[in-house]
Amino acid sequence: MDQYTVIGLMSGSSLDGLDIACCTFTKENNRWTFRINHTDVVPYPDEWVQELRSLPIATAKKLWEAHAALGAYFGQQVNRFMERNGLRGKVDFIGSHGHTIFHFPEKKFTTQIGDGAALAATVNLPVVCDFRSADIADGGQGTPIVPIADKLLFAEYKYCLNIGGIANISSKTDDNIIAFDICPANQVLNLLANRLGKEYDEDGKIAAEGKVCDDLLRKLNSLDYYSRLFPKSLDNSFTRETILPLIEEFQISTEDKISTFTEHIASQINNHLALIQQHESSARFRGQSKILATGGGAFNRHLIHRIKHHTGVEVVVPDPELVKYKEALAIAFMAVLRMRNEVNVLRSVTGAARDSVGGAVFRP
């Protein structure tokens, strides 16, 4: 039996904070199991929110200053987390996704800041980070990267849907798994809710009370990305340069914009689910269509209702801890596989030339 206790860190594009999860992974009889021991989310201070939003157009010097500073900030938060939960001396290493600033696989690069060396020095533990670069160097999309956890930790579910800043989905076949980004999600909804003085659309109440603008919905659904076959992935610039300018063309209330974009997310999940099913010949899962939904959007009751309406399938929202921290759990698990020198990024997901053992290791 092999066992590891690891802290996973996830910073998503919706900028709702740093997710921290201390998890224990056990491999016994060739099967992985997990336990989530302690969790926390640390909201970003306003100055970090503004900084992270501005970095895509910052100077190179400013970007690398932020890279080092964010790594140290992550370390400070992990130290506090370990002190609060009595974890000092009980954690084997850290897995950190970092915060994505650029993601352009077609140009062979991706950038997640949060310096692993600074993090390792601050917490005095080994750190695994930069999980995407090796896959992109091999011609892959570099994302989604969490499907290895869907495959090995959540094998009972045919589909795993994550509704974070960007919504993505994984689907299991007889002997493999595919996954890809579907559309922007919370990063758009949260920005719109901010205009109404809200952090987010709690339970989807704003969307439920607003009206769907059919013309805007048609324009959103007709964007070129949605007609592309997988593997495919989205950069945050898609929201900034394509989605938001399109929404601003319409002189409708913010409430109606939220309602329309919520409907857009649900309809695109349905469309891409149908696309997956058209390209599948899996015997093992035939007739099964249960979806495990996690990420902040899984708490949006109106959105989940609309997904069920469009797809007609069972959507399972697990306990709140797993909903919130599945991505941090997956990053911790990817760090375990990296430390074991085992595959943690799958070419069937990303379209790379081969599976890869992704992640750079920094030791204090």
Foldseek 3Di string as FASTA:
>chain_A
DDKAWEWFWDQEPLQQFIKIWTKMWDADPNAIEMDTDDIDGDRDDPVVVVLLVCVLPDDPVSVVVVLLVQLLVVLVVVVVVCVVVVCVPPHAAYFYAAQWNDFDLVVLDTDGGRDQQNNCVSNQHKYWYQQQNVQSNLVWRSDDQLVLCCVRHVVVAQKEWEQAQWIKMKGDFPPGIAIATQGGHSSVQQVLVVVVVDRGCQLCPLLVPAAADVVLLVVLCPDPVLPDDDPDYDTPVCCVPPVVVSLVVDPDDSSNSSNNVLLSVLQSVQVVVVVVVVPGDGPVQVPPDEYEYAYPCVSNNVSVVSNCVSNVHHYDDDDNVCRHCVVSVSSRVLVVCLVVQHFRGACNHTVGPGTHSGTDMHGD
